[in-house]
């Protein structure tokens, strides 16, 4: 049975085009078999990248200051849904 997964990723890259290109490259590489010794199929069949959402200045500052706390960028996104 297949699943569609929604994934949010915080990316430290100011150029939106590079974000899309980099994620496409990573997902392309991830199409390799999960366990080549026992299974010749990939988990990732297809993907679609939605929009990039700019982070707040507070998040940017915490990344620059090396004080970012895991999950912090997604708190307000979850509250808005």
PDB file of N, CA and C in Angstrom:
ATOM      1  N   UNK A   1       0.840  -1.173   0.000  1.00  0.00           N
ATOM      2  CA  UNK A   1       0.000   0.000   0.000  1.00  0.00           C
ATOM      3  C   UNK A   1       0.885   1.236   0.000  1.00  0.00           C
ATOM      4  N   UNK A   2       0.590   2.191  -0.846  1.00  0.00           N
ATOM      5  CA  UNK A   2       1.358   3.435  -0.938  1.00  0.00           C
ATOM      6  C   UNK A   2       0.815   4.469   0.047  1.00  0.00           C
ATOM      7  N   UNK A   3       1.636   5.427   0.380  1.00  0.00           N
ATOM      8  CA  UNK A   3       1.256   6.522   1.265  1.00  0.00           C
ATOM      9  C   UNK A   3       1.719   7.838   0.659  1.00  0.00           C
ATOM     10  N   UNK A   4       0.973   8.890   0.858  1.00  0.00           N
ATOM     11  CA  UNK A   4       1.416  10.239   0.528  1.00  0.00           C
ATOM     12  C   UNK A   4       1.795  10.894   1.839  1.00  0.00           C
ATOM     13  N   UNK A   5       3.021  11.409   1.916  1.00  0.00           N
ATOM     14  CA  UNK A   5       3.562  11.970   3.144  1.00  0.00           C
ATOM     15  C   UNK A   5       3.806  13.465   2.950  1.00  0.00           C
ATOM     16  N   UNK A   6       3.355  14.250   3.903  1.00  0.00           N
ATOM     17  CA  UNK A   6       3.664  15.683   3.908  1.00  0.00           C
ATOM     18  C   UNK A   6       4.859  15.886   4.818  1.00  0.00           C
ATOM     19  N   UNK A   7       5.871  16.545   4.311  1.00  0.00           N
ATOM     20  CA  UNK A   7       7.117  16.709   5.046  1.00  0.00           C
ATOM     21  C   UNK A   7       7.504  18.180   5.044  1.00  0.00           C
ATOM     22  N   UNK A   8       7.848  18.712   6.203  1.00  0.00           N
ATOM     23  CA  UNK A   8       8.350  20.084   6.298  1.00  0.00           C
ATOM     24  C   UNK A   8       9.823  20.018   6.635  1.00  0.00           C
ATOM     25  N   UNK A   9      10.613  20.813   5.920  1.00  0.00           N
ATOM     26  CA  UNK A   9      12.054  20.813   6.119  1.00  0.00           C
ATOM     27  C   UNK A   9      12.512  22.257   6.286  1.00  0.00           C
ATOM     28  N   UNK A  10      13.275  22.523   7.324  1.00  0.00           N
ATOM     29  CA  UNK A  10      13.877  23.840   7.509  1.00  0.00           C
ATOM     30  C   UNK A  10      15.222  23.822   6.794  1.00  0.00           C
ATOM     31  N   UNK A  11      15.388  24.714   5.832  1.00  0.00           N
ATOM     32  CA  UNK A  11      16.592  24.756   5.009  1.00  0.00           C
ATOM     33  C   UNK A  11      17.285  26.097   5.210  1.00  0.00           C
ATOM     34  N   UNK A  12      18.553  26.066   5.518  1.00  0.00           N
ATOM     35  CA  UNK A  12      19.335  27.285   5.723  1.00  0.00           C
ATOM     36  C   UNK A  12      19.990  27.678   4.401  1.00  0.00           C
ATOM     37  N   UNK A  13      19.184  28.243   3.503  1.00  0.00           N
ATOM     38  CA  UNK A  13      19.655  28.678   2.183  1.00  0.00           C
ATOM     39  C   UNK A  13      18.776  29.834   1.742  1.00  0.00           C
ATOM     40  N   UNK A  14      19.362  31.002   1.479  1.00  0.00           N
ATOM     41  CA  UNK A  14      18.551  32.170   1.124  1.00  0.00           C
ATOM     42  C   UNK A  14      17.986  32.127  -0.302  1.00  0.00           C
ATOM     43  N   UNK A  15      18.605  31.385  -1.205  1.00  0.00           N
ATOM     44  CA  UNK A  15      18.179  31.360  -2.613  1.00  0.00           C
ATOM     45  C   UNK A  15      17.127  30.268  -2.822  1.00  0.00           C
ATOM     46  N   UNK A  16      15.884  30.696  -3.048  1.00  0.00           N
ATOM     47  CA  UNK A  16      14.770  29.749  -3.172  1.00  0.00           C
ATOM     48  C   UNK A  16      14.987  28.751  -4.301  1.00  0.00           C
ATOM     49  N   UNK A  17      15.565  29.184  -5.407  1.00  0.00           N
ATOM     50  CA  UNK A  17      15.815  28.269  -6.529  1.00  0.00           C
ATOM     51  C   UNK A  17      16.773  27.154  -6.118  1.00  0.00           C
ATOM     52  N   UNK A  18      17.788  27.515  -5.331  1.00  0.00           N
ATOM     53  CA  UNK A  18      18.730  26.494  -4.850  1.00  0.00           C
ATOM     54  C   UNK A  18      18.056  25.535  -3.878  1.00  0.00           C
ATOM     55  N   UNK A  19      17.090  26.025  -3.116  1.00  0.00           N
ATOM     56  CA  UNK A  19      16.348  25.150  -2.204  1.00  0.00           C
ATOM     57  C   UNK A  19      15.617  24.082  -3.016  1.00  0.00           C
ATOM     58  N   UNK A  20      14.870  24.509  -4.032  1.00  0.00           N
ATOM     59  CA  UNK A  20      14.141  23.549  -4.871  1.00  0.00           C
ATOM     60  C   UNK A  20      15.104  22.576  -5.553  1.00  0.00           C
ATOM     61  N   UNK A  21      16.178  23.105  -6.130  1.00  0.00           N
ATOM     62  CA  UNK A  21      17.140  22.241  -6.813  1.00  0.00           C
ATOM     63  C   UNK A  21      17.774  21.238  -5.858  1.00  0.00           C
ATOM     64  N   UNK A  22      18.166  21.707  -4.671  1.00  0.00           N
ATOM     65  CA  UNK A  22      18.806  20.822  -3.700  1.00  0.00           C
ATOM     66  C   UNK A  22      17.877  19.724  -3.207  1.00  0.00           C
ATOM     67  N   UNK A  23      16.628  20.085  -2.929  1.00  0.00           N
ATOM     68  CA  UNK A  23      15.675  19.074  -2.457  1.00  0.00           C
ATOM     69  C   UNK A  23      15.376  18.068  -3.565  1.00  0.00           C
ATOM     70  N   UNK A  24      15.245  18.545  -4.804  1.00  0.00           N
ATOM     71  CA  UNK A  24      15.043  17.626  -5.924  1.00  0.00           C
ATOM     72  C   UNK A  24      16.221  16.664  -6.062  1.00  0.00           C
ATOM     73  N   UNK A  25      17.442  17.160  -5.907  1.00  0.00           N
ATOM     74  CA  UNK A  25      18.624  16.292  -5.973  1.00  0.00           C
ATOM     75  C   UNK A  25      18.615  15.259  -4.853  1.00  0.00           C
ATOM     76  N   UNK A  26      18.291  15.703  -3.635  1.00  0.00           N
ATOM     77  CA  UNK A  26      18.263  14.772  -2.499  1.00  0.00           C
ATOM     78  C   UNK A  26      17.210  13.681  -2.699  1.00  0.00           C
ATOM     79  N   UNK A  27      16.021  14.086  -3.154  1.00  0.00           N
ATOM     80  CA  UNK A  27      14.964  13.099  -3.355  1.00  0.00           C
ATOM     81  C   UNK A  27      15.294  12.164  -4.509  1.00  0.00           C
ATOM     82  N   UNK A  28      15.948  12.696  -5.526  1.00  0.00           N
ATOM     83  CA  UNK A  28      16.383  11.836  -6.635  1.00  0.00           C
ATOM     84  C   UNK A  28      17.356  10.772  -6.139  1.00  0.00           C
ATOM     85  N   UNK A  29      18.309  11.177  -5.305  1.00  0.00           N
ATOM     86  CA  UNK A  29      19.268  10.223  -4.741  1.00  0.00           C
ATOM     87  C   UNK A  29      18.573   9.230  -3.818  1.00  0.00           C
ATOM     88  N   UNK A  30      17.505   9.681  -3.154  1.00  0.00           N
ATOM     89  CA  UNK A  30      16.785   8.815  -2.216  1.00  0.00           C
ATOM     90  C   UNK A  30      15.918   7.790  -2.933  1.00  0.00           C
ATOM     91  N   UNK A  31      15.864   7.837  -4.247  1.00  0.00           N
ATOM     92  CA  UNK A  31      15.099   6.831  -4.986  1.00  0.00           C
ATOM     93  C   UNK A  31      15.842   5.510  -5.108  1.00  0.00           C
ATOM     94  N   UNK A  32      17.038   5.464  -4.580  1.00  0.00           N
ATOM     95  CA  UNK A  32      17.779   4.204  -4.562  1.00  0.00           C
ATOM     96  C   UNK A  32      17.033   3.213  -3.670  1.00  0.00           C
ATOM     97  N   UNK A  33      17.198   1.925  -3.910  1.00  0.00           N
ATOM     98  CA  UNK A  33      16.532   0.940  -3.060  1.00  0.00           C
ATOM     99  C   UNK A  33      16.838   1.153  -1.586  1.00  0.00           C
ATOM    100  N   UNK A  34      15.844   0.942  -0.756  1.00  0.00           N
ATOM    101  CA  UNK A  34      16.015   1.115   0.688  1.00  0.00           C
ATOM    102  C   UNK A  34      16.993   0.084   1.227  1.00  0.00           C
ATOM    103  N   UNK A  35      16.844  -1.158   0.808  1.00  0.00           N
ATOM    104  CA  UNK A  35      17.748  -2.235   1.230  1.00  0.00           C
ATOM    105  C   UNK A  35      18.094  -3.047  -0.013  1.00  0.00           C
ATOM    106  N   UNK A  36      19.161  -2.670  -0.718  1.00  0.00           N
ATOM    107  CA  UNK A  36      19.486  -3.340  -1.978  1.00  0.00           C
ATOM    108  C   UNK A  36      19.746  -4.834  -1.847  1.00  0.00           C
ATOM    109  N   UNK A  37      20.105  -5.311  -0.640  1.00  0.00           N
ATOM    110  CA  UNK A  37      20.396  -6.735  -0.478  1.00  0.00           C
ATOM    111  C   UNK A  37      19.134  -7.586  -0.458  1.00  0.00           C
ATOM    112  N   UNK A  38      18.013  -7.002  -0.015  1.00  0.00           N
ATOM    113  CA  UNK A  38      16.789  -7.792   0.097  1.00  0.00           C
ATOM    114  C   UNK A  38      15.657  -7.267  -0.770  1.00  0.00           C
ATOM    115  N   UNK A  39      15.800  -6.057  -1.283  1.00  0.00           N
ATOM    116  CA  UNK A  39      14.691  -5.429  -1.993  1.00  0.00           C
ATOM    117  C   UNK A  39      15.254  -4.525  -3.074  1.00  0.00           C
ATOM    118  N   UNK A  40      14.748  -4.658  -4.292  1.00  0.00           N
ATOM    119  CA  UNK A  40      15.257  -3.818  -5.374  1.00  0.00           C
ATOM    120  C   UNK A  40      14.347  -2.633  -5.678  1.00  0.00           C
ATOM    121  N   UNK A  41      13.448  -2.322  -4.762  1.00  0.00           N
ATOM    122  CA  UNK A  41      12.536  -1.212  -5.014  1.00  0.00           C
ATOM    123  C   UNK A  41      12.845  -0.026  -4.108  1.00  0.00           C
ATOM    124  N   UNK A  42      12.464   1.142  -4.579  1.00  0.00           N
ATOM    125  CA  UNK A  42      12.638   2.371  -3.813  1.00  0.00           C
ATOM    126  C   UNK A  42      11.360   2.663  -3.061  1.00  0.00           C
ATOM    127  N   UNK A  43      11.484   3.322  -1.950  1.00  0.00           N
ATOM    128  CA  UNK A  43      10.296   3.777  -1.238  1.00  0.00           C
ATOM    129  C   UNK A  43       9.718   4.993  -1.931  1.00  0.00           C
ATOM    130  N   UNK A  44      10.575   5.853  -2.456  1.00  0.00           N
ATOM    131  CA  UNK A  44      10.103   7.096  -3.073  1.00  0.00           C
ATOM    132  C   UNK A  44       9.837   6.855  -4.548  1.00  0.00           C
ATOM    133  N   UNK A  45       8.585   7.005  -4.933  1.00  0.00           N
ATOM    134  CA  UNK A  45       8.161   6.786  -6.307  1.00  0.00           C
ATOM    135  C   UNK A  45       8.068   8.114  -7.060  1.00  0.00           C
ATOM    136  N   UNK A  46       7.538   9.136  -6.404  1.00  0.00           N
ATOM    137  CA  UNK A  46       7.281  10.422  -7.041  1.00  0.00           C
ATOM    138  C   UNK A  46       7.239  11.489  -5.950  1.00  0.00           C
ATOM    139  N   UNK A  47       7.397  12.738  -6.305  1.00  0.00           N
ATOM    140  CA  UNK A  47       7.289  13.812  -5.324  1.00  0.00           C
ATOM    141  C   UNK A  47       6.883  15.112  -5.991  1.00  0.00           C
ATOM    142  N   UNK A  48       6.391  15.984  -5.179  1.00  0.00           N
ATOM    143  CA  UNK A  48       6.007  17.324  -5.593  1.00  0.00           C
ATOM    144  C   UNK A  48       6.429  18.264  -4.473  1.00  0.00           C
ATOM    145  N   UNK A  49       7.098  19.336  -4.831  1.00  0.00           N
ATOM    146  CA  UNK A  49       7.537  20.298  -3.829  1.00  0.00           C
ATOM    147  C   UNK A  49       6.578  21.477  -3.850  1.00  0.00           C
ATOM    148  N   UNK A  50       6.022  21.802  -2.683  1.00  0.00           N
ATOM    149  CA  UNK A  50       5.106  22.931  -2.564  1.00  0.00           C
ATOM    150  C   UNK A  50       5.866  24.241  -2.517  1.00  0.00           C
ATOM    151  N   UNK A  51       5.311  25.196  -1.873  1.00  0.00           N
ATOM    152  CA  UNK A  51       5.924  26.514  -1.806  1.00  0.00           C
ATOM    153  C   UNK A  51       6.927  26.607  -0.670  1.00  0.00           C
ATOM    154  N   UNK A  52       7.899  27.461  -0.845  1.00  0.00           N
ATOM    155  CA  UNK A  52       8.840  27.782   0.231  1.00  0.00           C
ATOM    156  C   UNK A  52       8.231  28.918   1.044  1.00  0.00           C
ATOM    157  N   UNK A  53       8.278  28.792   2.338  1.00  0.00           N
ATOM    158  CA  UNK A  53       7.778  29.830   3.235  1.00  0.00           C
ATOM    159  C   UNK A  53       8.978  30.421   3.962  1.00  0.00           C
ATOM    160  N   UNK A  54       9.114  31.730   3.887  1.00  0.00           N
ATOM    161  CA  UNK A  54      10.235  32.381   4.580  1.00  0.00           C
ATOM    162  C   UNK A  54      10.028  32.288   6.081  1.00  0.00           C
ATOM    163  N   UNK A  55      11.131  32.109   6.795  1.00  0.00           N
ATOM    164  CA  UNK A  55      11.066  32.036   8.250  1.00  0.00           C
ATOM    165  C   UNK A  55      11.118  33.442   8.842  1.00  0.00           C
ATOM    166  N   UNK A  56      10.770  33.536  10.101  1.00  0.00           N
ATOM    167  CA  UNK A  56      10.805  34.821  10.807  1.00  0.00           C
ATOM    168  C   UNK A  56      12.252  35.224  11.082  1.00  0.00           C
ATOM    169  N   UNK A  57      12.437  36.482  11.401  1.00  0.00           N
ATOM    170  CA  UNK A  57      13.770  36.957  11.768  1.00  0.00           C
ATOM    171  C   UNK A  57      14.279  36.250  13.022  1.00  0.00           C
ATOM    172  N   UNK A  58      13.362  35.908  13.931  1.00  0.00           N
ATOM    173  CA  UNK A  58      13.774  35.207  15.150  1.00  0.00           C
ATOM    174  C   UNK A  58      14.381  33.849  14.817  1.00  0.00           C
ATOM    175  N   UNK A  59      13.761  33.139  13.888  1.00  0.00           N
ATOM    176  CA  UNK A  59      14.295  31.833  13.481  1.00  0.00           C
ATOM    177  C   UNK A  59      15.638  32.022  12.795  1.00  0.00           C
ATOM    178  N   UNK A  60      15.714  32.988  11.874  1.00  0.00           N
ATOM    179  CA  UNK A  60      16.984  33.247  11.199  1.00  0.00           C
ATOM    180  C   UNK A  60      18.080  33.593  12.192  1.00  0.00           C
ATOM    181  N   UNK A  61      17.759  34.438  13.169  1.00  0.00           N
ATOM    182  CA  UNK A  61      18.748  34.808  14.184  1.00  0.00           C
ATOM    183  C   UNK A  61      19.196  33.599  14.994  1.00  0.00           C
ATOM    184  N   UNK A  62      18.247  32.747  15.375  1.00  0.00           N
ATOM    185  CA  UNK A  62      18.618  31.580  16.183  1.00  0.00           C
ATOM    186  C   UNK A  62      19.497  30.613  15.394  1.00  0.00           C
ATOM    187  N   UNK A  63      19.268  30.523  14.075  1.00  0.00           N
ATOM    188  CA  UNK A  63      20.139  29.679  13.241  1.00  0.00           C
ATOM    189  C   UNK A  63      21.537  30.281  13.199  1.00  0.00           C
ATOM    190  N   UNK A  64      21.620  31.590  12.950  1.00  0.00           N
ATOM    191  CA  UNK A  64      22.922  32.273  12.886  1.00  0.00           C
ATOM    192  C   UNK A  64      23.670  32.210  14.209  1.00  0.00           C
ATOM    193  N   UNK A  65      22.943  32.304  15.309  1.00  0.00           N
ATOM    194  CA  UNK A  65      23.560  32.300  16.641  1.00  0.00           C
ATOM    195  C   UNK A  65      23.769  30.902  17.196  1.00  0.00           C
ATOM    196  N   UNK A  66      23.406  29.890  16.405  1.00  0.00           N
ATOM    197  CA  UNK A  66      23.539  28.491  16.817  1.00  0.00           C
ATOM    198  C   UNK A  66      22.735  28.193  18.085  1.00  0.00           C
ATOM    199  N   UNK A  67      21.568  28.839  18.194  1.00  0.00           N
ATOM    200  CA  UNK A  67      20.684  28.593  19.338  1.00  0.00           C
ATOM    201  C   UNK A  67      19.346  28.009  18.895  1.00  0.00           C
ATOM    202  N   UNK A  68      19.247  27.611  17.630  1.00  0.00           N
ATOM    203  CA  UNK A  68      17.990  27.061  17.130  1.00  0.00           C
ATOM    204  C   UNK A  68      17.640  25.787  17.885  1.00  0.00           C
ATOM    205  N   UNK A  69      16.389  25.673  18.277  1.00  0.00           N
ATOM    206  CA  UNK A  69      15.886  24.501  18.982  1.00  0.00           C
ATOM    207  C   UNK A  69      15.043  23.682  18.006  1.00  0.00           C
ATOM    208  N   UNK A  70      15.317  22.401  17.936  1.00  0.00           N
ATOM    209  CA  UNK A  70      14.606  21.517  17.010  1.00  0.00           C
ATOM    210  C   UNK A  70      13.097  21.695  17.128  1.00  0.00           C
ATOM    211  N   UNK A  71      12.435  21.877  15.995  1.00  0.00           N
ATOM    212  CA  UNK A  71      10.983  22.020  15.943  1.00  0.00           C
ATOM    213  C   UNK A  71      10.480  23.441  16.072  1.00  0.00           C
ATOM    214  N   UNK A  72      11.346  24.352  16.479  1.00  0.00           N
ATOM    215  CA  UNK A  72      10.962  25.737  16.737  1.00  0.00           C
ATOM    216  C   UNK A  72      10.341  26.410  15.508  1.00  0.00           C
ATOM    217  N   UNK A  73      10.842  26.133  14.329  1.00  0.00           N
ATOM    218  CA  UNK A  73      10.351  26.785  13.110  1.00  0.00           C
ATOM    219  C   UNK A  73       8.923  26.369  12.760  1.00  0.00           C
ATOM    220  N   UNK A  74       8.498  25.237  13.253  1.00  0.00           N
ATOM    221  CA  UNK A  74       7.201  24.697  12.862  1.00  0.00           C
ATOM    222  C   UNK A  74       6.078  25.000  13.842  1.00  0.00           C
ATOM    223  N   UNK A  75       6.396  25.537  14.995  1.00  0.00           N
ATOM    224  CA  UNK A  75       5.397  25.786  16.029  1.00  0.00           C
ATOM    225  C   UNK A  75       4.290  26.694  15.515  1.00  0.00           C
ATOM    226  N   UNK A  76       4.630  27.835  14.973  1.00  0.00           N
ATOM    227  CA  UNK A  76       3.615  28.760  14.472  1.00  0.00           C
ATOM    228  C   UNK A  76       2.885  28.228  13.255  1.00  0.00           C
ATOM    229  N   UNK A  77       3.547  27.428  12.439  1.00  0.00           N
ATOM    230  CA  UNK A  77       2.882  26.844  11.282  1.00  0.00           C
ATOM    231  C   UNK A  77       1.782  25.883  11.729  1.00  0.00           C
ATOM    232  N   UNK A  78       2.065  25.097  12.758  1.00  0.00           N
ATOM    233  CA  UNK A  78       1.084  24.142  13.262  1.00  0.00           C
ATOM    234  C   UNK A  78      -0.103  24.876  13.887  1.00  0.00           C
ATOM    235  N   UNK A  79       0.175  25.956  14.623  1.00  0.00           N
ATOM    236  CA  UNK A  79      -0.894  26.707  15.262  1.00  0.00           C
ATOM    237  C   UNK A  79      -1.828  27.350  14.245  1.00  0.00           C
ATOM    238  N   UNK A  80      -1.313  27.721  13.052  1.00  0.00           N
ATOM    239  CA  UNK A  80      -2.114  28.382  12.029  1.00  0.00           C
ATOM    240  C   UNK A  80      -3.035  27.417  11.300  1.00  0.00           C
ATOM    241  N   UNK A  81      -2.701  26.124  11.314  1.00  0.00           N
ATOM    242  CA  UNK A  81      -3.496  25.146  10.561  1.00  0.00           C
ATOM    243  C   UNK A  81      -4.815  24.850  11.208  1.00  0.00           C
TER     244      UNK A  81
END
